[in-house]
């Protein structure tokens, strides 16, 4: 049976879904965007600032699930503008040092008009 993961240290879901689900030794996070959980607002307007907030949200969410960024096996990254790829990568690489498998795609629009979103599958 899947266990719903919740932490106040990551943004609340903005729809009918869970922040993360833990099942069969894995943690599946929902896509995290650059919402500061303390304020509920997107507080950065640069790709660097938003990527930092996304990484903090993912770190906190994985820790609440008993996991960590180091246990990530797969990430899926969404960028509003592929021209931000290098700046996004520079910060992403500081957090995902274990180099999990990854997909990264550009999309037309992200929730709350943020610049990036990342979801993770990690070992529990």
PDB file of N, CA and C in Angstrom:
ATOM      1  N   UNK A   1       0.838  -1.183   0.000  1.00  0.00           N
ATOM      2  CA  UNK A   1       0.000   0.000   0.000  1.00  0.00           C
ATOM      3  C   UNK A   1       0.883   1.247   0.000  1.00  0.00           C
ATOM      4  N   UNK A   2       0.515   2.221  -0.783  1.00  0.00           N
ATOM      5  CA  UNK A   2       1.278   3.459  -0.881  1.00  0.00           C
ATOM      6  C   UNK A   2       1.050   4.328   0.349  1.00  0.00           C
ATOM      7  N   UNK A   3       2.114   4.992   0.771  1.00  0.00           N
ATOM      8  CA  UNK A   3       2.060   5.913   1.904  1.00  0.00           C
ATOM      9  C   UNK A   3       2.196   7.343   1.378  1.00  0.00           C
ATOM     10  N   UNK A   4       1.251   8.185   1.712  1.00  0.00           N
ATOM     11  CA  UNK A   4       1.311   9.589   1.310  1.00  0.00           C
ATOM     12  C   UNK A   4       2.338  10.305   2.171  1.00  0.00           C
ATOM     13  N   UNK A   5       3.186  11.091   1.537  1.00  0.00           N
ATOM     14  CA  UNK A   5       4.211  11.857   2.233  1.00  0.00           C
ATOM     15  C   UNK A   5       3.787  13.322   2.236  1.00  0.00           C
ATOM     16  N   UNK A   6       3.892  13.947   3.409  1.00  0.00           N
ATOM     17  CA  UNK A   6       3.580  15.373   3.529  1.00  0.00           C
ATOM     18  C   UNK A   6       4.596  16.035   4.444  1.00  0.00           C
ATOM     19  N   UNK A   7       5.009  17.234   4.079  1.00  0.00           N
ATOM     20  CA  UNK A   7       5.835  18.056   4.950  1.00  0.00           C
ATOM     21  C   UNK A   7       5.447  19.518   4.768  1.00  0.00           C
ATOM     22  N   UNK A   8       5.485  20.247   5.848  1.00  0.00           N
ATOM     23  CA  UNK A   8       5.233  21.690   5.775  1.00  0.00           C
ATOM     24  C   UNK A   8       6.444  22.421   5.213  1.00  0.00           C
ATOM     25  N   UNK A   9       7.558  21.710   5.010  1.00  0.00           N
ATOM     26  CA  UNK A   9       8.787  22.302   4.491  1.00  0.00           C
ATOM     27  C   UNK A   9       8.896  22.239   2.971  1.00  0.00           C
ATOM     28  N   UNK A  10       7.790  21.883   2.336  1.00  0.00           N
ATOM     29  CA  UNK A  10       7.668  21.936   0.879  1.00  0.00           C
ATOM     30  C   UNK A  10       6.280  22.504   0.597  1.00  0.00           C
ATOM     31  N   UNK A  11       6.081  23.071  -0.573  1.00  0.00           N
ATOM     32  CA  UNK A  11       4.783  23.684  -0.863  1.00  0.00           C
ATOM     33  C   UNK A  11       3.639  22.673  -0.808  1.00  0.00           C
ATOM     34  N   UNK A  12       2.496  23.132  -0.329  1.00  0.00           N
ATOM     35  CA  UNK A  12       1.297  22.304  -0.387  1.00  0.00           C
ATOM     36  C   UNK A  12       0.937  22.051  -1.839  1.00  0.00           C
ATOM     37  N   UNK A  13       0.319  20.920  -2.095  1.00  0.00           N
ATOM     38  CA  UNK A  13      -0.163  20.616  -3.440  1.00  0.00           C
ATOM     39  C   UNK A  13      -1.165  21.688  -3.854  1.00  0.00           C
ATOM     40  N   UNK A  14      -1.101  22.098  -5.107  1.00  0.00           N
ATOM     41  CA  UNK A  14      -2.034  23.109  -5.600  1.00  0.00           C
ATOM     42  C   UNK A  14      -3.159  22.473  -6.418  1.00  0.00           C
ATOM     43  N   UNK A  15      -3.363  21.197  -6.189  1.00  0.00           N
ATOM     44  CA  UNK A  15      -4.411  20.455  -6.866  1.00  0.00           C
ATOM     45  C   UNK A  15      -4.693  19.169  -6.122  1.00  0.00           C
ATOM     46  N   UNK A  16      -5.481  18.280  -6.717  1.00  0.00           N
ATOM     47  CA  UNK A  16      -5.849  17.023  -6.053  1.00  0.00           C
ATOM     48  C   UNK A  16      -4.766  15.942  -6.200  1.00  0.00           C
ATOM     49  N   UNK A  17      -3.642  16.169  -5.551  1.00  0.00           N
ATOM     50  CA  UNK A  17      -2.538  15.210  -5.582  1.00  0.00           C
ATOM     51  C   UNK A  17      -1.722  15.354  -4.310  1.00  0.00           C
ATOM     52  N   UNK A  18      -0.812  14.411  -4.091  1.00  0.00           N
ATOM     53  CA  UNK A  18       0.055  14.410  -2.919  1.00  0.00           C
ATOM     54  C   UNK A  18       1.406  15.025  -3.261  1.00  0.00           C
ATOM     55  N   UNK A  19       2.079  15.561  -2.259  1.00  0.00           N
ATOM     56  CA  UNK A  19       3.440  16.060  -2.465  1.00  0.00           C
ATOM     57  C   UNK A  19       4.348  14.926  -2.941  1.00  0.00           C
ATOM     58  N   UNK A  20       4.161  13.757  -2.342  1.00  0.00           N
ATOM     59  CA  UNK A  20       4.944  12.576  -2.709  1.00  0.00           C
ATOM     60  C   UNK A  20       4.218  11.335  -2.216  1.00  0.00           C
ATOM     61  N   UNK A  21       4.596  10.203  -2.797  1.00  0.00           N
ATOM     62  CA  UNK A  21       4.061   8.907  -2.403  1.00  0.00           C
ATOM     63  C   UNK A  21       5.233   7.947  -2.276  1.00  0.00           C
ATOM     64  N   UNK A  22       5.192   7.146  -1.212  1.00  0.00           N
ATOM     65  CA  UNK A  22       6.235   6.163  -0.942  1.00  0.00           C
ATOM     66  C   UNK A  22       5.619   4.777  -1.085  1.00  0.00           C
ATOM     67  N   UNK A  23       6.228   3.930  -1.929  1.00  0.00           N
ATOM     68  CA  UNK A  23       5.724   2.573  -2.124  1.00  0.00           C
ATOM     69  C   UNK A  23       6.840   1.671  -2.651  1.00  0.00           C
ATOM     70  N   UNK A  24       6.823   0.434  -2.233  1.00  0.00           N
ATOM     71  CA  UNK A  24       7.763  -0.580  -2.724  1.00  0.00           C
ATOM     72  C   UNK A  24       9.215  -0.112  -2.712  1.00  0.00           C
ATOM     73  N   UNK A  25       9.609   0.583  -1.650  1.00  0.00           N
ATOM     74  CA  UNK A  25      10.998   0.998  -1.504  1.00  0.00           C
ATOM     75  C   UNK A  25      11.389   2.215  -2.324  1.00  0.00           C
ATOM     76  N   UNK A  26      10.413   2.876  -2.936  1.00  0.00           N
ATOM     77  CA  UNK A  26      10.697   4.063  -3.739  1.00  0.00           C
ATOM     78  C   UNK A  26       9.846   5.237  -3.282  1.00  0.00           C
ATOM     79  N   UNK A  27      10.362   6.432  -3.524  1.00  0.00           N
ATOM     80  CA  UNK A  27       9.619   7.663  -3.286  1.00  0.00           C
ATOM     81  C   UNK A  27       9.407   8.334  -4.636  1.00  0.00           C
ATOM     82  N   UNK A  28       8.167   8.695  -4.918  1.00  0.00           N
ATOM     83  CA  UNK A  28       7.807   9.397  -6.141  1.00  0.00           C
ATOM     84  C   UNK A  28       7.320  10.788  -5.738  1.00  0.00           C
ATOM     85  N   UNK A  29       8.063  11.826  -6.106  1.00  0.00           N
ATOM     86  CA  UNK A  29       7.609  13.170  -5.769  1.00  0.00           C
ATOM     87  C   UNK A  29       6.749  13.715  -6.896  1.00  0.00           C
ATOM     88  N   UNK A  30       5.821  14.552  -6.541  1.00  0.00           N
ATOM     89  CA  UNK A  30       5.136  15.343  -7.554  1.00  0.00           C
ATOM     90  C   UNK A  30       6.112  16.415  -8.000  1.00  0.00           C
ATOM     91  N   UNK A  31       5.846  17.002  -9.142  1.00  0.00           N
ATOM     92  CA  UNK A  31       6.699  18.076  -9.622  1.00  0.00           C
ATOM     93  C   UNK A  31       6.730  19.219  -8.625  1.00  0.00           C
ATOM     94  N   UNK A  32       7.919  19.686  -8.316  1.00  0.00           N
ATOM     95  CA  UNK A  32       8.080  20.802  -7.394  1.00  0.00           C
ATOM     96  C   UNK A  32       8.441  22.051  -8.178  1.00  0.00           C
ATOM     97  N   UNK A  33       7.757  23.135  -7.829  1.00  0.00           N
ATOM     98  CA  UNK A  33       8.051  24.419  -8.446  1.00  0.00           C
ATOM     99  C   UNK A  33       8.620  25.350  -7.379  1.00  0.00           C
ATOM    100  N   UNK A  34       8.957  26.562  -7.772  1.00  0.00           N
ATOM    101  CA  UNK A  34       9.695  27.479  -6.907  1.00  0.00           C
ATOM    102  C   UNK A  34       8.807  28.246  -5.936  1.00  0.00           C
ATOM    103  N   UNK A  35       7.916  27.544  -5.265  1.00  0.00           N
ATOM    104  CA  UNK A  35       7.106  28.176  -4.235  1.00  0.00           C
ATOM    105  C   UNK A  35       7.838  28.032  -2.906  1.00  0.00           C
ATOM    106  N   UNK A  36       7.984  29.150  -2.201  1.00  0.00           N
ATOM    107  CA  UNK A  36       8.563  29.130  -0.865  1.00  0.00           C
ATOM    108  C   UNK A  36       7.467  28.631   0.081  1.00  0.00           C
ATOM    109  N   UNK A  37       7.670  27.489   0.753  1.00  0.00           N
ATOM    110  CA  UNK A  37       6.602  26.952   1.604  1.00  0.00           C
ATOM    111  C   UNK A  37       6.248  27.852   2.789  1.00  0.00           C
ATOM    112  N   UNK A  38       7.165  28.700   3.209  1.00  0.00           N
ATOM    113  CA  UNK A  38       6.892  29.591   4.344  1.00  0.00           C
ATOM    114  C   UNK A  38       5.897  30.691   3.980  1.00  0.00           C
ATOM    115  N   UNK A  39       5.929  31.117   2.715  1.00  0.00           N
ATOM    116  CA  UNK A  39       5.069  32.227   2.295  1.00  0.00           C
ATOM    117  C   UNK A  39       3.972  31.814   1.320  1.00  0.00           C
ATOM    118  N   UNK A  40       4.179  30.685   0.632  1.00  0.00           N
ATOM    119  CA  UNK A  40       3.228  30.257  -0.394  1.00  0.00           C
ATOM    120  C   UNK A  40       3.384  31.020  -1.694  1.00  0.00           C
ATOM    121  N   UNK A  41       4.463  31.793  -1.814  1.00  0.00           N
ATOM    122  CA  UNK A  41       4.679  32.611  -3.011  1.00  0.00           C
ATOM    123  C   UNK A  41       5.894  32.163  -3.801  1.00  0.00           C
ATOM    124  N   UNK A  42       5.865  32.461  -5.104  1.00  0.00           N
ATOM    125  CA  UNK A  42       7.057  32.345  -5.930  1.00  0.00           C
ATOM    126  C   UNK A  42       7.831  33.631  -5.683  1.00  0.00           C
ATOM    127  N   UNK A  43       9.016  33.502  -5.079  1.00  0.00           N
ATOM    128  CA  UNK A  43       9.723  34.704  -4.652  1.00  0.00           C
ATOM    129  C   UNK A  43      10.948  35.040  -5.479  1.00  0.00           C
ATOM    130  N   UNK A  44      11.298  34.221  -6.426  1.00  0.00           N
ATOM    131  CA  UNK A  44      12.448  34.509  -7.284  1.00  0.00           C
ATOM    132  C   UNK A  44      11.953  34.666  -8.712  1.00  0.00           C
ATOM    133  N   UNK A  45      12.594  35.554  -9.457  1.00  0.00           N
ATOM    134  CA  UNK A  45      12.170  35.745 -10.840  1.00  0.00           C
ATOM    135  C   UNK A  45      13.253  35.380 -11.843  1.00  0.00           C
ATOM    136  N   UNK A  46      14.332  34.741 -11.342  1.00  0.00           N
ATOM    137  CA  UNK A  46      15.392  34.271 -12.231  1.00  0.00           C
ATOM    138  C   UNK A  46      15.414  32.751 -12.223  1.00  0.00           C
ATOM    139  N   UNK A  47      15.969  32.164 -13.257  1.00  0.00           N
ATOM    140  CA  UNK A  47      16.081  30.702 -13.309  1.00  0.00           C
ATOM    141  C   UNK A  47      16.963  30.206 -12.168  1.00  0.00           C
ATOM    142  N   UNK A  48      18.000  30.953 -11.819  1.00  0.00           N
ATOM    143  CA  UNK A  48      18.885  30.533 -10.738  1.00  0.00           C
ATOM    144  C   UNK A  48      18.138  30.506  -9.399  1.00  0.00           C
ATOM    145  N   UNK A  49      17.433  31.571  -9.099  1.00  0.00           N
ATOM    146  CA  UNK A  49      16.692  31.644  -7.845  1.00  0.00           C
ATOM    147  C   UNK A  49      15.586  30.615  -7.766  1.00  0.00           C
ATOM    148  N   UNK A  50      14.883  30.420  -8.869  1.00  0.00           N
ATOM    149  CA  UNK A  50      13.808  29.433  -8.868  1.00  0.00           C
ATOM    150  C   UNK A  50      14.360  28.011  -8.774  1.00  0.00           C
ATOM    151  N   UNK A  51      15.455  27.734  -9.446  1.00  0.00           N
ATOM    152  CA  UNK A  51      16.053  26.395  -9.364  1.00  0.00           C
ATOM    153  C   UNK A  51      16.502  26.101  -7.938  1.00  0.00           C
ATOM    154  N   UNK A  52      17.112  27.068  -7.275  1.00  0.00           N
ATOM    155  CA  UNK A  52      17.514  26.890  -5.873  1.00  0.00           C
ATOM    156  C   UNK A  52      16.312  26.527  -5.004  1.00  0.00           C
ATOM    157  N   UNK A  53      15.189  27.232  -5.169  1.00  0.00           N
ATOM    158  CA  UNK A  53      14.005  26.956  -4.358  1.00  0.00           C
ATOM    159  C   UNK A  53      13.444  25.577  -4.666  1.00  0.00           C
ATOM    160  N   UNK A  54      13.417  25.198  -5.927  1.00  0.00           N
ATOM    161  CA  UNK A  54      12.939  23.860  -6.304  1.00  0.00           C
ATOM    162  C   UNK A  54      13.800  22.787  -5.639  1.00  0.00           C
ATOM    163  N   UNK A  55      15.118  22.961  -5.672  1.00  0.00           N
ATOM    164  CA  UNK A  55      16.020  21.968  -5.076  1.00  0.00           C
ATOM    165  C   UNK A  55      15.812  21.874  -3.566  1.00  0.00           C
ATOM    166  N   UNK A  56      15.611  23.011  -2.901  1.00  0.00           N
ATOM    167  CA  UNK A  56      15.342  22.998  -1.456  1.00  0.00           C
ATOM    168  C   UNK A  56      14.034  22.267  -1.166  1.00  0.00           C
ATOM    169  N   UNK A  57      13.014  22.524  -1.981  1.00  0.00           N
ATOM    170  CA  UNK A  57      11.730  21.849  -1.793  1.00  0.00           C
ATOM    171  C   UNK A  57      11.877  20.340  -1.959  1.00  0.00           C
ATOM    172  N   UNK A  58      12.603  19.923  -2.983  1.00  0.00           N
ATOM    173  CA  UNK A  58      12.808  18.490  -3.207  1.00  0.00           C
ATOM    174  C   UNK A  58      13.606  17.860  -2.071  1.00  0.00           C
ATOM    175  N   UNK A  59      14.641  18.535  -1.631  1.00  0.00           N
ATOM    176  CA  UNK A  59      15.461  18.031  -0.517  1.00  0.00           C
ATOM    177  C   UNK A  59      14.588  17.819   0.716  1.00  0.00           C
ATOM    178  N   UNK A  60      13.788  18.806   1.061  1.00  0.00           N
ATOM    179  CA  UNK A  60      12.923  18.709   2.234  1.00  0.00           C
ATOM    180  C   UNK A  60      11.876  17.616   2.081  1.00  0.00           C
ATOM    181  N   UNK A  61      11.322  17.496   0.911  1.00  0.00           N
ATOM    182  CA  UNK A  61      10.296  16.484   0.663  1.00  0.00           C
ATOM    183  C   UNK A  61      10.883  15.079   0.734  1.00  0.00           C
ATOM    184  N   UNK A  62      12.030  14.866   0.120  1.00  0.00           N
ATOM    185  CA  UNK A  62      12.669  13.545   0.183  1.00  0.00           C
ATOM    186  C   UNK A  62      13.075  13.187   1.612  1.00  0.00           C
ATOM    187  N   UNK A  63      13.576  14.159   2.353  1.00  0.00           N
ATOM    188  CA  UNK A  63      13.937  13.894   3.750  1.00  0.00           C
ATOM    189  C   UNK A  63      12.705  13.517   4.567  1.00  0.00           C
ATOM    190  N   UNK A  64      11.575  14.144   4.313  1.00  0.00           N
ATOM    191  CA  UNK A  64      10.335  13.804   5.021  1.00  0.00           C
ATOM    192  C   UNK A  64       9.901  12.374   4.710  1.00  0.00           C
ATOM    193  N   UNK A  65      10.308  11.875   3.551  1.00  0.00           N
ATOM    194  CA  UNK A  65       9.978  10.512   3.147  1.00  0.00           C
ATOM    195  C   UNK A  65      11.033   9.511   3.603  1.00  0.00           C
ATOM    196  N   UNK A  66      12.064   9.979   4.307  1.00  0.00           N
ATOM    197  CA  UNK A  66      13.134   9.089   4.747  1.00  0.00           C
ATOM    198  C   UNK A  66      14.162   8.830   3.671  1.00  0.00           C
ATOM    199  N   UNK A  67      14.235   9.683   2.685  1.00  0.00           N
ATOM    200  CA  UNK A  67      15.163   9.533   1.577  1.00  0.00           C
ATOM    201  C   UNK A  67      16.051  10.767   1.496  1.00  0.00           C
ATOM    202  N   UNK A  68      16.693  10.960   0.349  1.00  0.00           N
ATOM    203  CA  UNK A  68      17.561  12.119   0.158  1.00  0.00           C
ATOM    204  C   UNK A  68      17.821  12.310  -1.330  1.00  0.00           C
ATOM    205  N   UNK A  69      18.386  13.458  -1.661  1.00  0.00           N
ATOM    206  CA  UNK A  69      18.759  13.718  -3.051  1.00  0.00           C
ATOM    207  C   UNK A  69      19.795  12.695  -3.533  1.00  0.00           C
ATOM    208  N   UNK A  70      20.639  12.238  -2.625  1.00  0.00           N
ATOM    209  CA  UNK A  70      21.680  11.260  -2.991  1.00  0.00           C
ATOM    210  C   UNK A  70      21.088   9.909  -3.396  1.00  0.00           C
ATOM    211  N   UNK A  71      19.841   9.642  -2.987  1.00  0.00           N
ATOM    212  CA  UNK A  71      19.193   8.374  -3.323  1.00  0.00           C
ATOM    213  C   UNK A  71      18.330   8.482  -4.573  1.00  0.00           C
ATOM    214  N   UNK A  72      18.364   9.623  -5.242  1.00  0.00           N
ATOM    215  CA  UNK A  72      17.573   9.805  -6.466  1.00  0.00           C
ATOM    216  C   UNK A  72      18.073   8.875  -7.565  1.00  0.00           C
ATOM    217  N   UNK A  73      17.134   8.242  -8.269  1.00  0.00           N
ATOM    218  CA  UNK A  73      17.494   7.378  -9.388  1.00  0.00           C
ATOM    219  C   UNK A  73      17.031   7.948 -10.725  1.00  0.00           C
ATOM    220  N   UNK A  74      16.044   8.862 -10.678  1.00  0.00           N
ATOM    221  CA  UNK A  74      15.514   9.446 -11.919  1.00  0.00           C
ATOM    222  C   UNK A  74      14.902  10.796 -11.616  1.00  0.00           C
ATOM    223  N   UNK A  75      15.164  11.769 -12.471  1.00  0.00           N
ATOM    224  CA  UNK A  75      14.499  13.062 -12.374  1.00  0.00           C
ATOM    225  C   UNK A  75      13.877  13.395 -13.723  1.00  0.00           C
ATOM    226  N   UNK A  76      12.824  14.171 -13.673  1.00  0.00           N
ATOM    227  CA  UNK A  76      12.219  14.721 -14.877  1.00  0.00           C
ATOM    228  C   UNK A  76      12.155  16.226 -14.653  1.00  0.00           C
ATOM    229  N   UNK A  77      12.762  16.970 -15.578  1.00  0.00           N
ATOM    230  CA  UNK A  77      12.884  18.417 -15.436  1.00  0.00           C
ATOM    231  C   UNK A  77      12.137  19.099 -16.575  1.00  0.00           C
ATOM    232  N   UNK A  78      11.421  20.148 -16.218  1.00  0.00           N
ATOM    233  CA  UNK A  78      10.650  20.924 -17.185  1.00  0.00           C
ATOM    234  C   UNK A  78      11.142  22.362 -17.131  1.00  0.00           C
ATOM    235  N   UNK A  79      11.472  22.921 -18.276  1.00  0.00           N
ATOM    236  CA  UNK A  79      11.922  24.311 -18.362  1.00  0.00           C
ATOM    237  C   UNK A  79      10.964  25.094 -19.252  1.00  0.00           C
ATOM    238  N   UNK A  80      10.667  26.319 -18.846  1.00  0.00           N
ATOM    239  CA  UNK A  80       9.825  27.177 -19.671  1.00  0.00           C
ATOM    240  C   UNK A  80      10.603  27.695 -20.882  1.00  0.00           C
ATOM    241  N   UNK A  81      11.928  27.714 -20.778  1.00  0.00           N
ATOM    242  CA  UNK A  81      12.771  28.230 -21.856  1.00  0.00           C
ATOM    243  C   UNK A  81      14.069  27.430 -21.890  1.00  0.00           C
ATOM    244  N   UNK A  82      14.313  26.721 -22.973  1.00  0.00           N
ATOM    245  CA  UNK A  82      15.516  25.896 -23.072  1.00  0.00           C
ATOM    246  C   UNK A  82      16.784  26.748 -23.076  1.00  0.00           C
ATOM    247  N   UNK A  83      16.660  28.045 -23.289  1.00  0.00           N
ATOM    248  CA  UNK A  83      17.827  28.930 -23.166  1.00  0.00           C
ATOM    249  C   UNK A  83      18.329  29.005 -21.724  1.00  0.00           C
ATOM    250  N   UNK A  84      17.513  28.562 -20.763  1.00  0.00           N
ATOM    251  CA  UNK A  84      17.909  28.532 -19.351  1.00  0.00           C
ATOM    252  C   UNK A  84      18.622  27.233 -18.969  1.00  0.00           C
ATOM    253  N   UNK A  85      18.819  26.351 -19.929  1.00  0.00           N
ATOM    254  CA  UNK A  85      19.366  25.022 -19.655  1.00  0.00           C
ATOM    255  C   UNK A  85      20.706  25.071 -18.913  1.00  0.00           C
ATOM    256  N   UNK A  86      21.647  25.867 -19.366  1.00  0.00           N
ATOM    257  CA  UNK A  86      22.979  25.908 -18.738  1.00  0.00           C
ATOM    258  C   UNK A  86      22.897  26.431 -17.303  1.00  0.00           C
ATOM    259  N   UNK A  87      22.143  27.490 -17.080  1.00  0.00           N
ATOM    260  CA  UNK A  87      22.020  28.045 -15.725  1.00  0.00           C
ATOM    261  C   UNK A  87      21.301  27.058 -14.808  1.00  0.00           C
ATOM    262  N   UNK A  88      20.254  26.411 -15.317  1.00  0.00           N
ATOM    263  CA  UNK A  88      19.534  25.395 -14.551  1.00  0.00           C
ATOM    264  C   UNK A  88      20.487  24.255 -14.190  1.00  0.00           C
ATOM    265  N   UNK A  89      21.221  23.772 -15.181  1.00  0.00           N
ATOM    266  CA  UNK A  89      22.146  22.653 -14.989  1.00  0.00           C
ATOM    267  C   UNK A  89      23.206  22.947 -13.938  1.00  0.00           C
ATOM    268  N   UNK A  90      23.711  24.166 -13.925  1.00  0.00           N
ATOM    269  CA  UNK A  90      24.769  24.531 -12.980  1.00  0.00           C
ATOM    270  C   UNK A  90      24.288  24.352 -11.538  1.00  0.00           C
ATOM    271  N   UNK A  91      23.061  24.749 -11.261  1.00  0.00           N
ATOM    272  CA  UNK A  91      22.527  24.614  -9.897  1.00  0.00           C
ATOM    273  C   UNK A  91      22.067  23.190  -9.638  1.00  0.00           C
ATOM    274  N   UNK A  92      21.378  22.586 -10.595  1.00  0.00           N
ATOM    275  CA  UNK A  92      20.932  21.193 -10.481  1.00  0.00           C
ATOM    276  C   UNK A  92      22.116  20.297 -10.111  1.00  0.00           C
ATOM    277  N   UNK A  93      23.246  20.480 -10.785  1.00  0.00           N
ATOM    278  CA  UNK A  93      24.432  19.656 -10.551  1.00  0.00           C
ATOM    279  C   UNK A  93      25.026  19.785  -9.157  1.00  0.00           C
ATOM    280  N   UNK A  94      24.778  20.912  -8.485  1.00  0.00           N
ATOM    281  CA  UNK A  94      25.248  21.087  -7.110  1.00  0.00           C
ATOM    282  C   UNK A  94      24.431  20.236  -6.137  1.00  0.00           C
ATOM    283  N   UNK A  95      23.208  19.932  -6.485  1.00  0.00           N
ATOM    284  CA  UNK A  95      22.317  19.171  -5.610  1.00  0.00           C
ATOM    285  C   UNK A  95      22.289  17.681  -5.950  1.00  0.00           C
ATOM    286  N   UNK A  96      22.267  17.348  -7.225  1.00  0.00           N
ATOM    287  CA  UNK A  96      22.202  15.945  -7.638  1.00  0.00           C
ATOM    288  C   UNK A  96      23.606  15.466  -8.023  1.00  0.00           C
ATOM    289  N   UNK A  97      24.449  15.319  -7.012  1.00  0.00           N
ATOM    290  CA  UNK A  97      25.845  14.938  -7.251  1.00  0.00           C
ATOM    291  C   UNK A  97      25.996  13.475  -7.656  1.00  0.00           C
ATOM    292  N   UNK A  98      24.977  12.646  -7.361  1.00  0.00           N
ATOM    293  CA  UNK A  98      25.030  11.243  -7.737  1.00  0.00           C
ATOM    294  C   UNK A  98      24.657  10.992  -9.187  1.00  0.00           C
ATOM    295  N   UNK A  99      24.274  12.036  -9.901  1.00  0.00           N
ATOM    296  CA  UNK A  99      23.940  11.984 -11.323  1.00  0.00           C
ATOM    297  C   UNK A  99      22.893  10.913 -11.662  1.00  0.00           C
ATOM    298  N   UNK A 100      21.664  11.082 -11.161  1.00  0.00           N
ATOM    299  CA  UNK A 100      20.605  10.129 -11.524  1.00  0.00           C
ATOM    300  C   UNK A 100      20.254  10.246 -13.003  1.00  0.00           C
ATOM    301  N   UNK A 101      19.548   9.250 -13.515  1.00  0.00           N
ATOM    302  CA  UNK A 101      19.029   9.335 -14.882  1.00  0.00           C
ATOM    303  C   UNK A 101      18.111  10.553 -14.938  1.00  0.00           C
ATOM    304  N   UNK A 102      17.998  11.180 -16.114  1.00  0.00           N
ATOM    305  CA  UNK A 102      17.231  12.422 -16.190  1.00  0.00           C
ATOM    306  C   UNK A 102      16.657  12.641 -17.572  1.00  0.00           C
ATOM    307  N   UNK A 103      15.488  13.235 -17.600  1.00  0.00           N
ATOM    308  CA  UNK A 103      14.909  13.801 -18.807  1.00  0.00           C
ATOM    309  C   UNK A 103      14.748  15.284 -18.543  1.00  0.00           C
ATOM    310  N   UNK A 104      14.940  16.113 -19.559  1.00  0.00           N
ATOM    311  CA  UNK A 104      14.747  17.552 -19.422  1.00  0.00           C
ATOM    312  C   UNK A 104      14.107  18.056 -20.702  1.00  0.00           C
ATOM    313  N   UNK A 105      12.936  18.648 -20.557  1.00  0.00           N
ATOM    314  CA  UNK A 105      12.206  19.125 -21.729  1.00  0.00           C
ATOM    315  C   UNK A 105      11.740  20.558 -21.528  1.00  0.00           C
ATOM    316  N   UNK A 106      11.549  21.258 -22.626  1.00  0.00           N
ATOM    317  CA  UNK A 106      10.957  22.595 -22.589  1.00  0.00           C
ATOM    318  C   UNK A 106       9.457  22.445 -22.773  1.00  0.00           C
ATOM    319  N   UNK A 107       8.711  23.243 -22.035  1.00  0.00           N
ATOM    320  CA  UNK A 107       7.254  23.222 -22.120  1.00  0.00           C
ATOM    321  C   UNK A 107       6.756  24.647 -22.349  1.00  0.00           C
ATOM    322  N   UNK A 108       5.548  24.763 -22.821  1.00  0.00           N
ATOM    323  CA  UNK A 108       5.004  26.079 -23.128  1.00  0.00           C
ATOM    324  C   UNK A 108       4.778  26.920 -21.877  1.00  0.00           C
ATOM    325  N   UNK A 109       4.139  26.333 -20.871  1.00  0.00           N
ATOM    326  CA  UNK A 109       3.812  27.061 -19.650  1.00  0.00           C
ATOM    327  C   UNK A 109       3.835  26.099 -18.474  1.00  0.00           C
ATOM    328  N   UNK A 110       4.293  26.595 -17.324  1.00  0.00           N
ATOM    329  CA  UNK A 110       4.290  25.827 -16.091  1.00  0.00           C
ATOM    330  C   UNK A 110       3.341  26.483 -15.093  1.00  0.00           C
ATOM    331  N   UNK A 111       2.892  25.731 -14.081  1.00  0.00           N
ATOM    332  CA  UNK A 111       1.990  26.325 -13.081  1.00  0.00           C
ATOM    333  C   UNK A 111       2.579  27.610 -12.476  1.00  0.00           C
ATOM    334  N   UNK A 112       1.724  28.574 -12.263  1.00  0.00           N
ATOM    335  CA  UNK A 112       2.100  29.868 -11.675  1.00  0.00           C
ATOM    336  C   UNK A 112       3.159  30.590 -12.493  1.00  0.00           C
ATOM    337  N   UNK A 113       3.282  30.204 -13.779  1.00  0.00           N
ATOM    338  CA  UNK A 113       4.235  30.813 -14.714  1.00  0.00           C
ATOM    339  C   UNK A 113       5.681  30.760 -14.232  1.00  0.00           C
ATOM    340  N   UNK A 114       6.026  29.695 -13.492  1.00  0.00           N
ATOM    341  CA  UNK A 114       7.408  29.532 -13.043  1.00  0.00           C
ATOM    342  C   UNK A 114       8.294  29.151 -14.217  1.00  0.00           C
ATOM    343  N   UNK A 115       9.585  29.172 -13.988  1.00  0.00           N
ATOM    344  CA  UNK A 115      10.557  28.903 -15.043  1.00  0.00           C
ATOM    345  C   UNK A 115      11.011  27.452 -15.094  1.00  0.00           C
ATOM    346  N   UNK A 116      10.825  26.703 -13.987  1.00  0.00           N
ATOM    347  CA  UNK A 116      11.239  25.300 -13.975  1.00  0.00           C
ATOM    348  C   UNK A 116      10.398  24.497 -12.996  1.00  0.00           C
ATOM    349  N   UNK A 117      10.361  23.191 -13.231  1.00  0.00           N
ATOM    350  CA  UNK A 117       9.690  22.229 -12.357  1.00  0.00           C
ATOM    351  C   UNK A 117      10.485  20.941 -12.427  1.00  0.00           C
ATOM    352  N   UNK A 118      10.617  20.251 -11.291  1.00  0.00           N
ATOM    353  CA  UNK A 118      11.387  19.005 -11.250  1.00  0.00           C
ATOM    354  C   UNK A 118      10.627  17.986 -10.396  1.00  0.00           C
ATOM    355  N   UNK A 119      10.569  16.761 -10.894  1.00  0.00           N
ATOM    356  CA  UNK A 119      10.038  15.638 -10.114  1.00  0.00           C
ATOM    357  C   UNK A 119      11.137  14.597  -9.983  1.00  0.00           C
ATOM    358  N   UNK A 120      11.035  13.782  -8.924  1.00  0.00           N
ATOM    359  CA  UNK A 120      12.109  12.832  -8.607  1.00  0.00           C
ATOM    360  C   UNK A 120      11.523  11.460  -8.248  1.00  0.00           C
ATOM    361  N   UNK A 121      12.234  10.429  -8.626  1.00  0.00           N
ATOM    362  CA  UNK A 121      12.021   9.086  -8.117  1.00  0.00           C
ATOM    363  C   UNK A 121      13.301   8.738  -7.361  1.00  0.00           C
ATOM    364  N   UNK A 122      13.154   8.334  -6.102  1.00  0.00           N
ATOM    365  CA  UNK A 122      14.328   8.039  -5.273  1.00  0.00           C
ATOM    366  C   UNK A 122      14.107   6.761  -4.482  1.00  0.00           C
ATOM    367  N   UNK A 123      15.183   6.121  -4.078  1.00  0.00           N
ATOM    368  CA  UNK A 123      15.091   4.999  -3.168  1.00  0.00           C
ATOM    369  C   UNK A 123      14.653   5.522  -1.807  1.00  0.00           C
ATOM    370  N   UNK A 124      13.797   4.757  -1.149  1.00  0.00           N
ATOM    371  CA  UNK A 124      13.304   5.177   0.173  1.00  0.00           C
ATOM    372  C   UNK A 124      14.377   4.979   1.228  1.00  0.00           C
TER     373      UNK A 124
END
